Amino acid sequence: MATARQKEAARRNIAKARQVQSARARGESAPRRSQGVSTAEENDLTESEFAFPEQRKEPLADAAHVRNAIARFDQVEGVTDTERDRAWKRIQAAASRFDIDISAHDWRELFAGGKAKRT
């Protein structure tokens, strides 16, 4: 079940999407969602462009990847809490860069009910 903060963040993201859609309808040039990153492009990413650079897990190449990294953060296995702390900071920086609202202040809030076991 979504928390109140998650619902508010979703409302803000929907409002931003509606603004862009409205701008496009008026003929303004608004950036479209990226086509994603191919495997070859992902292989070319530097380690600093991943939430978990040592394992090359969770690329942060665009807004869609950042959202995906947040959504799947609790599913990453084989990493320590220290690595998760560093990854969370990278995700927060990327979210800020792509103007994405994150309702959770700490990665542990995302972990409730996750599949991965914390080490």
PDB file of N, CA and C in Angstrom:
ATOM      1  N   MET A   1       0.845  -1.168   0.000  1.00  0.00           N
ATOM      2  CA  MET A   1       0.000   0.000   0.000  1.00  0.00           C
ATOM      3  C   MET A   1       0.899   1.242   0.000  1.00  0.00           C
ATOM      4  N   ALA A   2       0.513   2.209  -0.772  1.00  0.00           N
ATOM      5  CA  ALA A   2       1.305   3.435  -0.899  1.00  0.00           C
ATOM      6  C   ALA A   2       1.099   4.336   0.315  1.00  0.00           C
ATOM      7  N   THR A   3       2.184   4.989   0.707  1.00  0.00           N
ATOM      8  CA  THR A   3       2.091   5.935   1.817  1.00  0.00           C
ATOM      9  C   THR A   3       1.595   7.275   1.295  1.00  0.00           C
ATOM     10  N   ALA A   4       1.281   8.165   2.199  1.00  0.00           N
ATOM     11  CA  ALA A   4       0.812   9.497   1.814  1.00  0.00           C
ATOM     12  C   ALA A   4       1.890  10.249   1.041  1.00  0.00           C
ATOM     13  N   ARG A   5       3.161  10.096   1.455  1.00  0.00           N
ATOM     14  CA  ARG A   5       4.252  10.775   0.739  1.00  0.00           C
ATOM     15  C   ARG A   5       4.416  10.221  -0.670  1.00  0.00           C
ATOM     16  N   GLN A   6       4.264   8.902  -0.818  1.00  0.00           N
ATOM     17  CA  GLN A   6       4.368   8.304  -2.146  1.00  0.00           C
ATOM     18  C   GLN A   6       3.239   8.797  -3.047  1.00  0.00           C
ATOM     19  N   LYS A   7       2.051   8.890  -2.492  1.00  0.00           N
ATOM     20  CA  LYS A   7       0.917   9.376  -3.271  1.00  0.00           C
ATOM     21  C   LYS A   7       1.124  10.827  -3.689  1.00  0.00           C
ATOM     22  N   GLU A   8       1.642  11.648  -2.790  1.00  0.00           N
ATOM     23  CA  GLU A   8       1.899  13.055  -3.112  1.00  0.00           C
ATOM     24  C   GLU A   8       2.972  13.183  -4.191  1.00  0.00           C
ATOM     25  N   ALA A   9       4.020  12.381  -4.089  1.00  0.00           N
ATOM     26  CA  ALA A   9       5.072  12.409  -5.113  1.00  0.00           C
ATOM     27  C   ALA A   9       4.508  11.977  -6.463  1.00  0.00           C
ATOM     28  N   ALA A  10       3.652  10.972  -6.457  1.00  0.00           N
ATOM     29  CA  ALA A  10       3.024  10.526  -7.711  1.00  0.00           C
ATOM     30  C   ALA A  10       2.155  11.632  -8.295  1.00  0.00           C
ATOM     31  N   ARG A  11       1.431  12.332  -7.439  1.00  0.00           N
ATOM     32  CA  ARG A  11       0.587  13.445  -7.926  1.00  0.00           C
ATOM     33  C   ARG A  11       1.432  14.543  -8.566  1.00  0.00           C
ATOM     34  N   ARG A  12       2.577  14.857  -7.935  1.00  0.00           N
ATOM     35  CA  ARG A  12       3.468  15.880  -8.512  1.00  0.00           C
ATOM     36  C   ARG A  12       4.028  15.428  -9.855  1.00  0.00           C
ATOM     37  N   ASN A  13       4.420  14.165  -9.953  1.00  0.00           N
ATOM     38  CA  ASN A  13       4.951  13.658 -11.212  1.00  0.00           C
ATOM     39  C   ASN A  13       3.889  13.643 -12.305  1.00  0.00           C
ATOM     40  N   ILE A  14       2.652  13.316 -11.943  1.00  0.00           N
ATOM     41  CA  ILE A  14       1.549  13.339 -12.920  1.00  0.00           C
ATOM     42  C   ILE A  14       1.285  14.767 -13.371  1.00  0.00           C
ATOM     43  N   ALA A  15       1.338  15.705 -12.440  1.00  0.00           N
ATOM     44  CA  ALA A  15       1.117  17.114 -12.805  1.00  0.00           C
ATOM     45  C   ALA A  15       2.188  17.591 -13.779  1.00  0.00           C
ATOM     46  N   LYS A  16       3.435  17.205 -13.558  1.00  0.00           N
ATOM     47  CA  LYS A  16       4.515  17.579 -14.479  1.00  0.00           C
ATOM     48  C   LYS A  16       4.278  16.967 -15.857  1.00  0.00           C
ATOM     49  N   ALA A  17       3.860  15.715 -15.886  1.00  0.00           N
ATOM     50  CA  ALA A  17       3.599  15.049 -17.164  1.00  0.00           C
ATOM     51  C   ALA A  17       2.459  15.745 -17.908  1.00  0.00           C
ATOM     52  N   ARG A  18       1.440  16.165 -17.191  1.00  0.00           N
ATOM     53  CA  ARG A  18       0.323  16.871 -17.831  1.00  0.00           C
ATOM     54  C   ARG A  18       0.762  18.217 -18.394  1.00  0.00           C
ATOM     55  N   GLN A  19       1.655  18.906 -17.681  1.00  0.00           N
ATOM     56  CA  GLN A  19       2.167  20.181 -18.189  1.00  0.00           C
ATOM     57  C   GLN A  19       2.915  19.986 -19.501  1.00  0.00           C
ATOM     58  N   VAL A  20       3.737  18.960 -19.570  1.00  0.00           N
ATOM     59  CA  VAL A  20       4.491  18.685 -20.792  1.00  0.00           C
ATOM     60  C   VAL A  20       3.536  18.306 -21.919  1.00  0.00           C
ATOM     61  N   GLN A  21       2.556  17.474 -21.609  1.00  0.00           N
ATOM     62  CA  GLN A  21       1.584  17.057 -22.615  1.00  0.00           C
ATOM     63  C   GLN A  21       0.810  18.264 -23.139  1.00  0.00           C
ATOM     64  N   SER A  22       0.430  19.156 -22.261  1.00  0.00           N
ATOM     65  CA  SER A  22      -0.278  20.369 -22.652  1.00  0.00           C
ATOM     66  C   SER A  22       0.601  21.265 -23.519  1.00  0.00           C
ATOM     67  N   ALA A  23       1.867  21.363 -23.154  1.00  0.00           N
ATOM     68  CA  ALA A  23       2.800  22.171 -23.941  1.00  0.00           C
ATOM     69  C   ALA A  23       2.935  21.607 -25.352  1.00  0.00           C
ATOM     70  N   ARG A  24       3.013  20.295 -25.467  1.00  0.00           N
ATOM     71  CA  ARG A  24       3.099  19.672 -26.793  1.00  0.00           C
ATOM     72  C   ARG A  24       1.833  19.931 -27.594  1.00  0.00           C
ATOM     73  N   ALA A  25       0.687  19.901 -26.936  1.00  0.00           N
ATOM     74  CA  ALA A  25      -0.584  20.135 -27.632  1.00  0.00           C
ATOM     75  C   ALA A  25      -0.652  21.552 -28.180  1.00  0.00           C
ATOM     76  N   ARG A  26       0.016  22.493 -27.519  1.00  0.00           N
ATOM     77  CA  ARG A  26       0.047  23.882 -27.994  1.00  0.00           C
ATOM     78  C   ARG A  26       1.152  24.096 -29.028  1.00  0.00           C
ATOM     79  N   GLY A  27       1.844  23.028 -29.401  1.00  0.00           N
ATOM     80  CA  GLY A  27       2.872  23.124 -30.427  1.00  0.00           C
ATOM     81  C   GLY A  27       4.256  23.451 -29.915  1.00  0.00           C
ATOM     82  N   GLU A  28       4.427  23.518 -28.602  1.00  0.00           N
ATOM     83  CA  GLU A  28       5.748  23.791 -28.044  1.00  0.00           C
ATOM     84  C   GLU A  28       6.618  22.542 -28.149  1.00  0.00           C
ATOM     85  N   SER A  29       7.895  22.771 -28.221  1.00  0.00           N
ATOM     86  CA  SER A  29       8.834  21.659 -28.282  1.00  0.00           C
ATOM     87  C   SER A  29       9.153  21.223 -26.860  1.00  0.00           C
ATOM     88  N   ALA A  30       8.774  20.006 -26.528  1.00  0.00           N
ATOM     89  CA  ALA A  30       9.058  19.454 -25.207  1.00  0.00           C
ATOM     90  C   ALA A  30       9.772  18.128 -25.403  1.00  0.00           C
ATOM     91  N   PRO A  31      10.785  17.858 -24.614  1.00  0.00           N
ATOM     92  CA  PRO A  31      11.535  16.610 -24.808  1.00  0.00           C
ATOM     93  C   PRO A  31      10.653  15.393 -24.580  1.00  0.00           C
ATOM     94  N   ARG A  32      10.815  14.432 -25.429  1.00  0.00           N
ATOM     95  CA  ARG A  32      10.069  13.184 -25.297  1.00  0.00           C
ATOM     96  C   ARG A  32      10.837  12.227 -24.398  1.00  0.00           C
ATOM     97  N   ARG A  33      10.131  11.254 -23.937  1.00  0.00           N
ATOM     98  CA  ARG A  33      10.758  10.222 -23.127  1.00  0.00           C
ATOM     99  C   ARG A  33      11.799   9.513 -23.981  1.00  0.00           C
ATOM    100  N   SER A  34      12.903   9.191 -23.381  1.00  0.00           N
ATOM    101  CA  SER A  34      13.987   8.573 -24.144  1.00  0.00           C
ATOM    102  C   SER A  34      13.570   7.195 -24.637  1.00  0.00           C
ATOM    103  N   GLN A  35      14.273   6.708 -25.631  1.00  0.00           N
ATOM    104  CA  GLN A  35      14.010   5.386 -26.184  1.00  0.00           C
ATOM    105  C   GLN A  35      14.656   4.293 -25.348  1.00  0.00           C
ATOM    106  N   GLY A  36      15.330   4.669 -24.301  1.00  0.00           N
ATOM    107  CA  GLY A  36      15.996   3.691 -23.462  1.00  0.00           C
ATOM    108  C   GLY A  36      17.456   3.546 -23.862  1.00  0.00           C
ATOM    109  N   VAL A  37      18.109   2.651 -23.208  1.00  0.00           N
ATOM    110  CA  VAL A  37      19.530   2.426 -23.449  1.00  0.00           C
ATOM    111  C   VAL A  37      19.690   1.006 -23.966  1.00  0.00           C
ATOM    112  N   SER A  38      20.345   0.864 -25.100  1.00  0.00           N
ATOM    113  CA  SER A  38      20.592  -0.469 -25.644  1.00  0.00           C
ATOM    114  C   SER A  38      21.676  -1.150 -24.809  1.00  0.00           C
ATOM    115  N   THR A  39      21.809  -2.448 -25.015  1.00  0.00           N
ATOM    116  CA  THR A  39      22.836  -3.196 -24.292  1.00  0.00           C
ATOM    117  C   THR A  39      24.227  -2.647 -24.611  1.00  0.00           C
ATOM    118  N   ALA A  40      24.446  -2.333 -25.880  1.00  0.00           N
ATOM    119  CA  ALA A  40      25.751  -1.789 -26.270  1.00  0.00           C
ATOM    120  C   ALA A  40      25.996  -0.449 -25.593  1.00  0.00           C
ATOM    121  N   GLU A  41      24.958   0.403 -25.539  1.00  0.00           N
ATOM    122  CA  GLU A  41      25.113   1.696 -24.872  1.00  0.00           C
ATOM    123  C   GLU A  41      25.343   1.510 -23.376  1.00  0.00           C
ATOM    124  N   GLU A  42      24.644   0.540 -22.780  1.00  0.00           N
ATOM    125  CA  GLU A  42      24.835   0.282 -21.350  1.00  0.00           C
ATOM    126  C   GLU A  42      26.257  -0.191 -21.083  1.00  0.00           C
ATOM    127  N   ASN A  43      26.790  -1.008 -21.985  1.00  0.00           N
ATOM    128  CA  ASN A  43      28.169  -1.481 -21.814  1.00  0.00           C
ATOM    129  C   ASN A  43      29.169  -0.338 -21.928  1.00  0.00           C
ATOM    130  N   ASP A  44      28.794   0.722 -22.648  1.00  0.00           N
ATOM    131  CA  ASP A  44      29.679   1.872 -22.805  1.00  0.00           C
ATOM    132  C   ASP A  44      29.591   2.865 -21.649  1.00  0.00           C
ATOM    133  N   LEU A  45      28.599   2.702 -20.765  1.00  0.00           N
ATOM    134  CA  LEU A  45      28.456   3.614 -19.630  1.00  0.00           C
ATOM    135  C   LEU A  45      29.649   3.457 -18.683  1.00  0.00           C
ATOM    136  N   THR A  46      30.062   4.573 -18.114  1.00  0.00           N
ATOM    137  CA  THR A  46      31.133   4.504 -17.120  1.00  0.00           C
ATOM    138  C   THR A  46      30.562   3.986 -15.806  1.00  0.00           C
ATOM    139  N   GLU A  47      31.419   3.524 -14.947  1.00  0.00           N
ATOM    140  CA  GLU A  47      30.955   2.992 -13.666  1.00  0.00           C
ATOM    141  C   GLU A  47      30.214   4.034 -12.840  1.00  0.00           C
ATOM    142  N   SER A  48      30.573   5.300 -13.019  1.00  0.00           N
ATOM    143  CA  SER A  48      29.934   6.353 -12.229  1.00  0.00           C
ATOM    144  C   SER A  48      28.476   6.573 -12.642  1.00  0.00           C
ATOM    145  N   GLU A  49      28.036   5.977 -13.738  1.00  0.00           N
ATOM    146  CA  GLU A  49      26.661   6.139 -14.199  1.00  0.00           C
ATOM    147  C   GLU A  49      25.752   5.003 -13.726  1.00  0.00           C
ATOM    148  N   PHE A  50      26.205   4.251 -12.735  1.00  0.00           N
ATOM    149  CA  PHE A  50      25.414   3.179 -12.147  1.00  0.00           C
ATOM    150  C   PHE A  50      25.202   3.471 -10.671  1.00  0.00           C
ATOM    151  N   ALA A  51      24.065   3.037 -10.141  1.00  0.00           N
ATOM    152  CA  ALA A  51      23.824   3.191  -8.709  1.00  0.00           C
ATOM    153  C   ALA A  51      24.817   2.316  -7.929  1.00  0.00           C
ATOM    154  N   PHE A  52      25.053   1.116  -8.425  1.00  0.00           N
ATOM    155  CA  PHE A  52      26.015   0.195  -7.822  1.00  0.00           C
ATOM    156  C   PHE A  52      27.145  -0.007  -8.830  1.00  0.00           C
ATOM    157  N   PRO A  53      28.151   0.874  -8.824  1.00  0.00           N
ATOM    158  CA  PRO A  53      29.167   0.832  -9.879  1.00  0.00           C
ATOM    159  C   PRO A  53      30.039  -0.422  -9.882  1.00  0.00           C
ATOM    160  N   GLU A  54      30.349  -0.966  -8.721  1.00  0.00           N
ATOM    161  CA  GLU A  54      31.216  -2.144  -8.683  1.00  0.00           C
ATOM    162  C   GLU A  54      30.547  -3.337  -9.354  1.00  0.00           C
ATOM    163  N   GLN A  55      29.232  -3.451  -9.197  1.00  0.00           N
ATOM    164  CA  GLN A  55      28.488  -4.554  -9.780  1.00  0.00           C
ATOM    165  C   GLN A  55      27.847  -4.174 -11.121  1.00  0.00           C
ATOM    166  N   ARG A  56      27.961  -2.892 -11.506  1.00  0.00           N
ATOM    167  CA  ARG A  56      27.332  -2.353 -12.713  1.00  0.00           C
ATOM    168  C   ARG A  56      25.835  -2.667 -12.721  1.00  0.00           C
ATOM    169  N   LYS A  57      25.196  -2.402 -11.570  1.00  0.00           N
ATOM    170  CA  LYS A  57      23.757  -2.619 -11.431  1.00  0.00           C
ATOM    171  C   LYS A  57      23.051  -1.274 -11.370  1.00  0.00           C
ATOM    172  N   GLU A  58      21.853  -1.230 -11.913  1.00  0.00           N
ATOM    173  CA  GLU A  58      20.970  -0.063 -11.895  1.00  0.00           C
ATOM    174  C   GLU A  58      21.584   1.156 -12.588  1.00  0.00           C
ATOM    175  N   PRO A  59      21.576   1.180 -13.918  1.00  0.00           N
ATOM    176  CA  PRO A  59      22.086   2.357 -14.630  1.00  0.00           C
ATOM    177  C   PRO A  59      21.229   3.581 -14.341  1.00  0.00           C
ATOM    178  N   LEU A  60      21.839   4.749 -14.350  1.00  0.00           N
ATOM    179  CA  LEU A  60      21.152   6.011 -14.069  1.00  0.00           C
ATOM    180  C   LEU A  60      21.297   6.954 -15.267  1.00  0.00           C
ATOM    181  N   ALA A  61      21.123   6.413 -16.470  1.00  0.00           N
ATOM    182  CA  ALA A  61      21.388   7.157 -17.702  1.00  0.00           C
ATOM    183  C   ALA A  61      20.320   8.178 -18.051  1.00  0.00           C
ATOM    184  N   ASP A  62      19.080   7.944 -17.623  1.00  0.00           N
ATOM    185  CA  ASP A  62      18.001   8.873 -17.937  1.00  0.00           C
ATOM    186  C   ASP A  62      16.919   8.759 -16.862  1.00  0.00           C
ATOM    187  N   ALA A  63      15.870   9.552 -16.990  1.00  0.00           N
ATOM    188  CA  ALA A  63      14.825   9.603 -15.962  1.00  0.00           C
ATOM    189  C   ALA A  63      14.147   8.249 -15.771  1.00  0.00           C
ATOM    190  N   ALA A  64      13.897   7.547 -16.855  1.00  0.00           N
ATOM    191  CA  ALA A  64      13.239   6.244 -16.750  1.00  0.00           C
ATOM    192  C   ALA A  64      14.102   5.255 -15.962  1.00  0.00           C
ATOM    193  N   HIS A  65      15.403   5.280 -16.208  1.00  0.00           N
ATOM    194  CA  HIS A  65      16.295   4.386 -15.477  1.00  0.00           C
ATOM    195  C   HIS A  65      16.365   4.761 -13.999  1.00  0.00           C
ATOM    196  N   VAL A  66      16.316   6.032 -13.697  1.00  0.00           N
ATOM    197  CA  VAL A  66      16.346   6.457 -12.292  1.00  0.00           C
ATOM    198  C   VAL A  66      15.084   5.976 -11.576  1.00  0.00           C
ATOM    199  N   ARG A  67      13.928   6.154 -12.227  1.00  0.00           N
ATOM    200  CA  ARG A  67      12.678   5.667 -11.626  1.00  0.00           C
ATOM    201  C   ARG A  67      12.734   4.161 -11.411  1.00  0.00           C
ATOM    202  N   ASN A  68      13.281   3.451 -12.389  1.00  0.00           N
ATOM    203  CA  ASN A  68      13.404   2.006 -12.279  1.00  0.00           C
ATOM    204  C   ASN A  68      14.351   1.618 -11.147  1.00  0.00           C
ATOM    205  N   ALA A  69      15.444   2.351 -11.001  1.00  0.00           N
ATOM    206  CA  ALA A  69      16.400   2.064  -9.921  1.00  0.00           C
ATOM    207  C   ALA A  69      15.739   2.244  -8.558  1.00  0.00           C
ATOM    208  N   ILE A  70      14.891   3.254  -8.442  1.00  0.00           N
ATOM    209  CA  ILE A  70      14.175   3.474  -7.176  1.00  0.00           C
ATOM    210  C   ILE A  70      13.195   2.332  -6.933  1.00  0.00           C
ATOM    211  N   ALA A  71      12.444   1.974  -7.964  1.00  0.00           N
ATOM    212  CA  ALA A  71      11.423   0.939  -7.822  1.00  0.00           C
ATOM    213  C   ALA A  71      12.028  -0.424  -7.489  1.00  0.00           C
ATOM    214  N   ARG A  72      13.214  -0.699  -8.009  1.00  0.00           N
ATOM    215  CA  ARG A  72      13.821  -2.019  -7.827  1.00  0.00           C
ATOM    216  C   ARG A  72      14.940  -2.029  -6.792  1.00  0.00           C
ATOM    217  N   PHE A  73      15.094  -0.954  -6.072  1.00  0.00           N
ATOM    218  CA  PHE A  73      16.189  -0.847  -5.115  1.00  0.00           C
ATOM    219  C   PHE A  73      16.180  -1.989  -4.112  1.00  0.00           C
ATOM    220  N   ASP A  74      15.003  -2.389  -3.662  1.00  0.00           N
ATOM    221  CA  ASP A  74      14.911  -3.445  -2.658  1.00  0.00           C
ATOM    222  C   ASP A  74      15.149  -4.836  -3.243  1.00  0.00           C
ATOM    223  N   GLN A  75      15.292  -4.945  -4.562  1.00  0.00           N
ATOM    224  CA  GLN A  75      15.494  -6.243  -5.197  1.00  0.00           C
ATOM    225  C   GLN A  75      16.961  -6.536  -5.510  1.00  0.00           C
ATOM    226  N   VAL A  76      17.833  -5.563  -5.305  1.00  0.00           N
ATOM    227  CA  VAL A  76      19.254  -5.762  -5.595  1.00  0.00           C
ATOM    228  C   VAL A  76      19.847  -6.666  -4.525  1.00  0.00           C
ATOM    229  N   GLU A  77      20.467  -7.735  -4.975  1.00  0.00           N
ATOM    230  CA  GLU A  77      21.042  -8.710  -4.048  1.00  0.00           C
ATOM    231  C   GLU A  77      22.559  -8.669  -4.102  1.00  0.00           C
ATOM    232  N   GLY A  78      23.174  -9.129  -3.041  1.00  0.00           N
ATOM    233  CA  GLY A  78      24.625  -9.270  -3.011  1.00  0.00           C
ATOM    234  C   GLY A  78      25.378  -7.978  -2.766  1.00  0.00           C
ATOM    235  N   VAL A  79      24.736  -6.998  -2.122  1.00  0.00           N
ATOM    236  CA  VAL A  79      25.414  -5.748  -1.796  1.00  0.00           C
ATOM    237  C   VAL A  79      25.247  -5.467  -0.304  1.00  0.00           C
ATOM    238  N   THR A  80      26.196  -4.749   0.253  1.00  0.00           N
ATOM    239  CA  THR A  80      26.159  -4.435   1.678  1.00  0.00           C
ATOM    240  C   THR A  80      25.349  -3.161   1.920  1.00  0.00           C
ATOM    241  N   ASP A  81      25.055  -2.896   3.178  1.00  0.00           N
ATOM    242  CA  ASP A  81      24.337  -1.671   3.534  1.00  0.00           C
ATOM    243  C   ASP A  81      25.162  -0.431   3.188  1.00  0.00           C
ATOM    244  N   THR A  82      26.468  -0.533   3.318  1.00  0.00           N
ATOM    245  CA  THR A  82      27.342   0.590   2.965  1.00  0.00           C
ATOM    246  C   THR A  82      27.228   0.891   1.472  1.00  0.00           C
ATOM    247  N   GLU A  83      27.225  -0.154   0.658  1.00  0.00           N
ATOM    248  CA  GLU A  83      27.058   0.035  -0.786  1.00  0.00           C
ATOM    249  C   GLU A  83      25.684   0.606  -1.108  1.00  0.00           C
ATOM    250  N   ARG A  84      24.675   0.190  -0.356  1.00  0.00           N
ATOM    251  CA  ARG A  84      23.325   0.729  -0.557  1.00  0.00           C
ATOM    252  C   ARG A  84      23.286   2.225  -0.198  1.00  0.00           C
ATOM    253  N   ASP A  85      23.986   2.599   0.880  1.00  0.00           N
ATOM    254  CA  ASP A  85      24.047   4.022   1.250  1.00  0.00           C
ATOM    255  C   ASP A  85      24.633   4.851   0.116  1.00  0.00           C
ATOM    256  N   ARG A  86      25.738   4.378  -0.443  1.00  0.00           N
ATOM    257  CA  ARG A  86      26.374   5.105  -1.549  1.00  0.00           C
ATOM    258  C   ARG A  86      25.481   5.126  -2.780  1.00  0.00           C
ATOM    259  N   ALA A  87      24.835   3.995  -3.079  1.00  0.00           N
ATOM    260  CA  ALA A  87      23.949   3.920  -4.240  1.00  0.00           C
ATOM    261  C   ALA A  87      22.759   4.867  -4.075  1.00  0.00           C
ATOM    262  N   TRP A  88      22.226   4.948  -2.865  1.00  0.00           N
ATOM    263  CA  TRP A  88      21.085   5.829  -2.623  1.00  0.00           C
ATOM    264  C   TRP A  88      21.465   7.289  -2.877  1.00  0.00           C
ATOM    265  N   LYS A  89      22.665   7.662  -2.473  1.00  0.00           N
ATOM    266  CA  LYS A  89      23.136   9.035  -2.733  1.00  0.00           C
ATOM    267  C   LYS A  89      23.244   9.291  -4.232  1.00  0.00           C
ATOM    268  N   ARG A  90      23.736   8.290  -4.972  1.00  0.00           N
ATOM    269  CA  ARG A  90      23.835   8.453  -6.431  1.00  0.00           C
ATOM    270  C   ARG A  90      22.449   8.572  -7.062  1.00  0.00           C
ATOM    271  N   ILE A  91      21.510   7.766  -6.570  1.00  0.00           N
ATOM    272  CA  ILE A  91      20.142   7.809  -7.098  1.00  0.00           C
ATOM    273  C   ILE A  91      19.502   9.159  -6.792  1.00  0.00           C
ATOM    274  N   GLN A  92      19.697   9.664  -5.572  1.00  0.00           N
ATOM    275  CA  GLN A  92      19.134  10.971  -5.221  1.00  0.00           C
ATOM    276  C   GLN A  92      19.709  12.074  -6.107  1.00  0.00           C
ATOM    277  N   ALA A  93      21.008  12.022  -6.378  1.00  0.00           N
ATOM    278  CA  ALA A  93      21.631  13.025  -7.235  1.00  0.00           C
ATOM    279  C   ALA A  93      21.073  12.935  -8.656  1.00  0.00           C
ATOM    280  N   ALA A  94      20.923  11.713  -9.161  1.00  0.00           N
ATOM    281  CA  ALA A  94      20.377  11.536 -10.512  1.00  0.00           C
ATOM    282  C   ALA A  94      18.913  11.981 -10.562  1.00  0.00           C
ATOM    283  N   ALA A  95      18.144  11.687  -9.518  1.00  0.00           N
ATOM    284  CA  ALA A  95      16.745  12.114  -9.476  1.00  0.00           C
ATOM    285  C   ALA A  95      16.652  13.631  -9.500  1.00  0.00           C
ATOM    286  N   SER A  96      17.520  14.278  -8.780  1.00  0.00           N
ATOM    287  CA  SER A  96      17.554  15.742  -8.784  1.00  0.00           C
ATOM    288  C   SER A  96      17.904  16.266 -10.175  1.00  0.00           C
ATOM    289  N   ARG A  97      18.866  15.624 -10.822  1.00  0.00           N
ATOM    290  CA  ARG A  97      19.302  16.036 -12.158  1.00  0.00           C
ATOM    291  C   ARG A  97      18.170  15.906 -13.183  1.00  0.00           C
ATOM    292  N   PHE A  98      17.328  14.860 -13.030  1.00  0.00           N
ATOM    293  CA  PHE A  98      16.240  14.628 -13.974  1.00  0.00           C
ATOM    294  C   PHE A  98      14.894  15.138 -13.451  1.00  0.00           C
ATOM    295  N   ASP A  99      14.912  15.911 -12.366  1.00  0.00           N
ATOM    296  CA  ASP A  99      13.710  16.522 -11.791  1.00  0.00           C
ATOM    297  C   ASP A  99      12.650  15.478 -11.413  1.00  0.00           C
ATOM    298  N   ILE A 100      13.085  14.461 -10.671  1.00  0.00           N
ATOM    299  CA  ILE A 100      12.198  13.398 -10.209  1.00  0.00           C
ATOM    300  C   ILE A 100      12.036  13.540  -8.705  1.00  0.00           C
ATOM    301  N   ASP A 101      10.792  13.516  -8.245  1.00  0.00           N
ATOM    302  CA  ASP A 101      10.516  13.595  -6.810  1.00  0.00           C
ATOM    303  C   ASP A 101      10.599  12.198  -6.202  1.00  0.00           C
ATOM    304  N   ILE A 102      11.307  12.093  -5.092  1.00  0.00           N
ATOM    305  CA  ILE A 102      11.400  10.829  -4.357  1.00  0.00           C
ATOM    306  C   ILE A 102      10.705  11.035  -3.019  1.00  0.00           C
ATOM    307  N   SER A 103       9.726  10.185  -2.735  1.00  0.00           N
ATOM    308  CA  SER A 103       8.992  10.345  -1.481  1.00  0.00           C
ATOM    309  C   SER A 103       9.777   9.818  -0.284  1.00  0.00           C
ATOM    310  N   ALA A 104      10.634   8.832  -0.500  1.00  0.00           N
ATOM    311  CA  ALA A 104      11.411   8.242   0.594  1.00  0.00           C
ATOM    312  C   ALA A 104      12.646   9.087   0.869  1.00  0.00           C
ATOM    313  N   HIS A 105      12.921   9.300   2.137  1.00  0.00           N
ATOM    314  CA  HIS A 105      14.112  10.060   2.520  1.00  0.00           C
ATOM    315  C   HIS A 105      15.328   9.152   2.680  1.00  0.00           C
ATOM    316  N   ASP A 106      15.068   7.872   2.937  1.00  0.00           N
ATOM    317  CA  ASP A 106      16.132   6.919   3.182  1.00  0.00           C
ATOM    318  C   ASP A 106      15.797   5.637   2.433  1.00  0.00           C
ATOM    319  N   TRP A 107      16.802   4.916   1.958  1.00  0.00           N
ATOM    320  CA  TRP A 107      16.557   3.698   1.197  1.00  0.00           C
ATOM    321  C   TRP A 107      15.887   2.625   2.038  1.00  0.00           C
ATOM    322  N   ARG A 108      16.043   2.685   3.343  1.00  0.00           N
ATOM    323  CA  ARG A 108      15.433   1.676   4.212  1.00  0.00           C
ATOM    324  C   ARG A 108      13.915   1.741   4.158  1.00  0.00           C
ATOM    325  N   GLU A 109      13.361   2.915   3.827  1.00  0.00           N
ATOM    326  CA  GLU A 109      11.916   3.047   3.676  1.00  0.00           C
ATOM    327  C   GLU A 109      11.421   2.248   2.471  1.00  0.00           C
ATOM    328  N   LEU A 110      12.238   2.117   1.454  1.00  0.00           N
ATOM    329  CA  LEU A 110      11.882   1.366   0.265  1.00  0.00           C
ATOM    330  C   LEU A 110      11.989  -0.126   0.498  1.00  0.00           C
ATOM    331  N   PHE A 111      12.747  -0.512   1.503  1.00  0.00           N
ATOM    332  CA  PHE A 111      13.092  -1.911   1.706  1.00  0.00           C
ATOM    333  C   PHE A 111      11.995  -2.711   2.376  1.00  0.00           C
ATOM    334  N   ALA A 112      11.015  -2.067   2.970  1.00  0.00           N
ATOM    335  CA  ALA A 112       9.950  -2.776   3.665  1.00  0.00           C
ATOM    336  C   ALA A 112       9.238  -3.706   2.683  1.00  0.00           C
ATOM    337  N   GLY A 113       9.285  -4.993   2.960  1.00  0.00           N
ATOM    338  CA  GLY A 113       8.619  -5.964   2.110  1.00  0.00           C
ATOM    339  C   GLY A 113       9.402  -6.345   0.875  1.00  0.00           C
ATOM    340  N   GLY A 114      10.666  -5.945   0.778  1.00  0.00           N
ATOM    341  CA  GLY A 114      11.479  -6.258  -0.403  1.00  0.00           C
ATOM    342  C   GLY A 114      11.889  -7.717  -0.456  1.00  0.00           C
ATOM    343  N   LYS A 115      12.350  -8.132  -1.621  1.00  0.00           N
ATOM    344  CA  LYS A 115      12.742  -9.521  -1.835  1.00  0.00           C
ATOM    345  C   LYS A 115      14.160  -9.807  -1.351  1.00  0.00           C
ATOM    346  N   ALA A 116      15.037  -8.836  -1.488  1.00  0.00           N
ATOM    347  CA  ALA A 116      16.439  -9.057  -1.141  1.00  0.00           C
ATOM    348  C   ALA A 116      16.646  -9.056   0.364  1.00  0.00           C
ATOM    349  N   LYS A 117      17.626  -9.786   0.790  1.00  0.00           N
ATOM    350  CA  LYS A 117      17.987  -9.820   2.201  1.00  0.00           C
ATOM    351  C   LYS A 117      19.094  -8.814   2.448  1.00  0.00           C
ATOM    352  N   ARG A 118      18.936  -7.976   3.469  1.00  0.00           N
ATOM    353  CA  ARG A 118      19.992  -7.003   3.800  1.00  0.00           C
ATOM    354  C   ARG A 118      21.158  -7.732   4.433  1.00  0.00           C
ATOM    355  N   THR A 119      22.353  -7.303   4.065  1.00  0.00           N
ATOM    356  CA  THR A 119      23.549  -7.911   4.656  1.00  0.00           C
ATOM    357  C   THR A 119      24.236  -6.912   5.553  1.00  0.00           C
TER     358      THR A 119
END
